[in-house]
Protein backbone atom coordinates (compact mmCIF):
# COMPACT_ATOMS: atom_id res chain seq x y z
CA MET A 1 35.48 24.85 -35.03
CA LYS A 2 33.76 23.34 -32.01
CA HIS A 3 35.06 24.06 -28.51
CA GLU A 4 35.07 20.84 -26.47
CA TRP A 5 36.05 21.29 -22.84
CA LYS A 6 37.04 17.64 -22.36
CA LYS A 7 39.67 17.88 -25.09
CA GLN A 8 40.79 21.49 -24.90
CA GLU A 9 40.75 22.15 -21.15
CA LYS A 10 42.34 19.04 -19.68
CA ASN A 11 44.28 21.22 -17.26
CA LEU A 12 40.99 22.16 -15.55
CA TYR A 13 39.03 18.92 -15.89
CA GLY A 14 41.76 16.27 -15.71
CA ALA A 15 42.04 15.88 -11.94
CA LYS A 16 43.67 12.73 -10.54
CA THR A 17 42.71 10.52 -7.62
CA THR A 18 45.59 12.01 -5.61
CA PRO A 19 45.38 15.65 -4.42
CA ASN A 20 47.06 18.39 -6.42
CA LEU A 21 47.08 22.17 -6.75
CA VAL A 22 45.35 23.90 -9.65
CA THR A 23 44.91 27.57 -10.54
CA VAL A 24 41.34 28.08 -11.72
CA PRO A 25 40.90 31.23 -13.83
CA ALA A 26 37.92 33.58 -13.57
CA GLN A 27 34.95 31.88 -15.26
CA LYS A 28 31.43 32.82 -16.34
CA TYR A 29 28.44 30.82 -15.08
CA ILE A 30 24.68 30.57 -15.14
CA MET A 31 23.64 29.91 -11.54
CA ILE A 32 20.78 29.19 -9.20
CA ASP A 33 20.84 29.00 -5.39
CA GLY A 34 19.09 26.54 -3.13
CA LYS A 35 18.93 24.84 0.23
CA GLY A 36 18.16 21.34 1.38
CA ASN A 37 18.66 17.70 0.49
CA PRO A 38 20.12 17.22 -3.03
CA ASN A 39 18.09 14.01 -3.30
CA ASP A 40 14.83 16.00 -3.20
CA THR A 41 12.86 16.99 -6.31
CA ASN A 42 13.48 20.68 -5.62
CA PHE A 43 17.17 20.12 -6.40
CA SER A 44 16.51 18.07 -9.54
CA HIS A 45 14.10 20.74 -10.82
CA ARG A 46 16.83 23.36 -10.42
CA VAL A 47 19.30 21.17 -12.30
CA SER A 48 16.78 20.69 -15.10
CA VAL A 49 16.18 24.44 -15.39
CA LEU A 50 19.93 25.12 -15.65
CA PHE A 51 20.51 22.54 -18.38
CA SER A 52 17.48 23.71 -20.37
CA LEU A 53 18.90 27.22 -20.34
CA ALA A 54 22.45 26.04 -21.09
CA TYR A 55 21.32 24.22 -24.23
CA THR A 56 19.19 27.19 -25.29
CA ILE A 57 22.25 29.44 -25.04
CA LYS A 58 24.27 26.93 -27.08
CA MET A 59 21.67 26.71 -29.88
CA ARG A 60 21.15 30.47 -30.02
CA TYR A 61 24.93 30.97 -30.27
CA LYS A 62 25.18 28.49 -33.17
CA LYS A 63 22.38 30.30 -34.97
CA TRP A 64 23.97 33.68 -34.29
CA ILE A 65 27.30 32.54 -35.79
CA ALA A 66 25.61 30.92 -38.82
CA ASN A 67 23.66 34.08 -39.61
CA ARG A 68 26.87 36.11 -39.68
CA ASN A 69 29.00 33.63 -41.66
CA LEU A 70 31.89 33.98 -39.22
CA GLU A 71 33.97 31.20 -40.78
CA HIS A 72 37.03 31.63 -38.56
CA ASP A 73 35.17 31.87 -35.27
CA ILE A 74 34.17 29.08 -32.87
CA ASP A 75 30.82 28.00 -34.28
CA ASP A 76 29.75 25.53 -31.58
CA PHE A 77 30.66 24.28 -28.10
CA THR A 78 29.99 21.36 -25.80
CA VAL A 79 27.84 22.25 -22.81
CA TYR A 80 29.95 22.24 -19.65
CA PRO A 81 29.22 19.87 -16.73
CA LEU A 82 27.12 20.77 -13.73
CA GLU A 83 29.01 22.22 -10.75
CA GLY A 84 28.01 22.89 -7.17
CA ILE A 85 29.29 25.05 -4.34
CA TRP A 86 28.26 23.50 -1.02
CA SER A 87 28.26 24.88 2.51
CA LEU A 88 26.75 24.21 5.92
CA PRO A 89 25.63 27.17 8.05
CA ILE A 90 27.77 27.56 11.17
CA GLY A 91 26.19 25.89 14.18
CA THR A 92 23.86 23.62 12.24
CA GLU A 93 23.82 19.84 12.33
CA LEU A 94 25.62 18.03 9.51
CA VAL A 95 22.57 16.65 7.72
CA LYS A 96 21.65 17.03 4.07
CA GLU A 97 18.51 19.04 4.85
CA ASN A 98 20.70 21.87 6.24
CA LEU A 99 22.98 22.14 3.20
CA GLU A 100 23.12 25.39 1.24
CA TYR A 101 24.22 25.28 -2.36
CA LYS A 102 24.83 27.18 -5.54
CA ILE A 103 24.59 24.99 -8.63
CA MET A 104 25.93 26.29 -11.91
CA ILE A 105 27.01 25.55 -15.47
CA ARG A 106 30.05 27.28 -16.86
CA GLN A 107 29.72 29.39 -20.01
CA PRO A 108 32.48 29.86 -22.61
CA ASP A 109 34.35 33.16 -22.50
CA PHE A 110 32.66 34.28 -25.73
CA ILE A 111 29.14 34.05 -24.25
CA ARG A 112 28.13 37.53 -23.16
CA ARG A 113 25.55 38.57 -20.58
CA GLU A 114 23.15 39.84 -23.27
CA MET A 115 23.20 36.35 -24.86
CA PHE A 116 22.18 34.91 -21.51
CA VAL A 117 19.36 37.45 -21.14
CA SER A 118 17.91 36.77 -24.60
CA ALA A 119 18.13 32.99 -24.13
CA LEU A 120 16.47 33.26 -20.72
CA GLU A 121 13.56 35.23 -22.16
CA GLN A 122 13.10 32.60 -24.86
CA ILE A 123 13.13 29.62 -22.50
CA LYS A 124 10.69 31.33 -20.11
CA VAL A 125 8.12 31.31 -22.93
CA LYS A 126 8.96 27.87 -24.27
CA LYS A 127 9.19 26.03 -20.93
CA PRO A 128 7.53 28.21 -18.27
CA SER A 129 8.84 27.68 -14.74
CA PRO A 130 9.03 30.06 -11.77
CA LEU A 131 12.58 28.81 -11.21
CA PHE A 132 13.82 30.65 -14.31
CA HIS A 133 13.30 33.89 -12.39
CA GLU A 134 15.94 32.69 -9.89
CA VAL A 135 18.65 31.98 -12.47
CA TYR A 136 21.40 34.58 -12.86
CA PHE A 137 24.65 35.14 -14.77
CA ASP A 138 27.81 35.79 -12.76
CA MET A 139 31.58 35.42 -12.64
CA VAL A 140 33.55 33.22 -10.24
CA GLN A 141 36.92 34.84 -9.61
CA GLU A 142 40.33 33.21 -10.06
CA GLU A 143 41.50 31.02 -7.19
CA THR A 144 44.13 28.46 -6.27
CA CYS A 145 42.61 25.16 -5.18
CA ILE A 146 43.43 21.74 -3.88
CA GLU A 147 41.59 19.30 -6.11
CA ILE A 148 41.05 15.57 -6.28
CA LEU A 149 39.05 13.22 -8.49
CA HIS A 150 36.57 11.32 -6.34
CA ILE A 151 35.34 8.06 -7.87
CA GLY A 152 32.30 6.57 -6.20
CA SER A 153 29.18 7.58 -4.32
CA PHE A 154 28.72 11.12 -3.03
CA ASP A 155 28.26 9.61 0.43
CA ASP A 156 31.85 8.33 0.26
CA GLU A 157 33.36 11.78 -0.39
CA PRO A 158 34.68 12.17 3.21
CA ALA A 159 37.52 9.76 2.36
CA SER A 160 38.64 12.06 -0.45
CA PHE A 161 38.21 15.13 1.75
CA GLU A 162 40.54 13.54 4.28
CA LYS A 163 43.21 13.08 1.58
CA MET A 164 42.84 16.77 0.67
CA LYS A 165 43.18 17.78 4.33
CA GLN A 166 46.36 15.74 4.72
CA TYR A 167 47.78 17.29 1.53
CA ALA A 168 47.01 20.78 2.82
CA GLU A 169 48.70 20.12 6.15
CA ALA A 170 51.78 18.59 4.51
CA ASN A 171 52.15 21.60 2.20
CA HIS A 172 51.31 24.30 4.78
CA LEU A 173 48.13 25.36 2.97
CA ARG A 174 45.07 26.93 4.58
CA TYR A 175 41.48 26.61 3.40
CA ASN A 176 40.05 30.02 2.50
CA GLN A 177 36.36 29.31 2.96
CA ASN A 178 33.96 27.02 4.79
CA TYR A 179 32.56 25.71 1.52
CA HIS A 180 33.81 23.44 -1.25
CA ARG A 181 33.20 23.06 -4.96
CA GLU A 182 32.19 19.96 -6.91
CA ILE A 183 32.25 19.28 -10.67
CA TYR A 184 30.10 16.36 -11.81
CA LEU A 185 31.83 14.62 -14.73
CA THR A 186 29.24 11.83 -14.96
CA HIS A 187 25.44 11.77 -14.90
CA THR A 188 24.04 10.11 -11.80
CA ASN A 189 21.22 8.47 -13.77
CA LYS A 190 23.58 6.98 -16.38
CA VAL A 191 26.35 5.34 -14.35
CA ASP A 192 26.51 3.15 -11.28
CA LYS A 193 27.27 4.98 -8.02
CA SER A 194 30.59 3.16 -7.75
CA LYS A 195 31.72 4.68 -11.07
CA GLN A 196 30.59 8.27 -10.55
CA LYS A 197 33.35 10.82 -11.15
CA THR A 198 33.39 14.10 -9.24
CA ILE A 199 36.14 16.71 -9.01
CA LEU A 200 36.35 18.14 -5.48
CA ARG A 201 38.00 21.53 -4.86
CA TYR A 202 38.88 23.70 -1.88
CA SER A 203 40.26 27.21 -2.32
CA VAL A 204 43.54 27.60 -0.43
CA THR A 205 46.39 29.97 0.39
């Protein structure tokens, strides 16, 4: 059986264009940190490194299952979408060059740290890049979030953020951090900016 997040996890990836609350469970990720304008090549190189590793983990898992003839286990999975955690250092000007980020790709619960380590060692040899030394495997803890589906350009996100702020105020919710989370449901190089789909989340109490 193949695990497909779009079909089997609609509760986590089926956000609407109006704000709502969602409880996000603890999740495993491969991650890499960075700073600066997301339109720069440094950012795109980091994205490329993450996806190369994500697909290596997927293929190694399929091979591992096949070699053990585990007929009743999940034998494949769809690679999860790219996510980003974005913040702006206190006291800095709101320009893209000052942004700090953590970009990441979720891993299924059955992917263990040792699988990540072995896949990372393989990809370092196959596609050498100094950025692979910055990738790590970590857990994001459970949290309650306001979420909304933003459709359109990233530059137009403030309109969706304003809807989230109004929802929080109306429901007596407080933002927990000075950063937010984004899940990119579409590929920027495959769809027009006006049709891009991004889930926006803020952790709240």
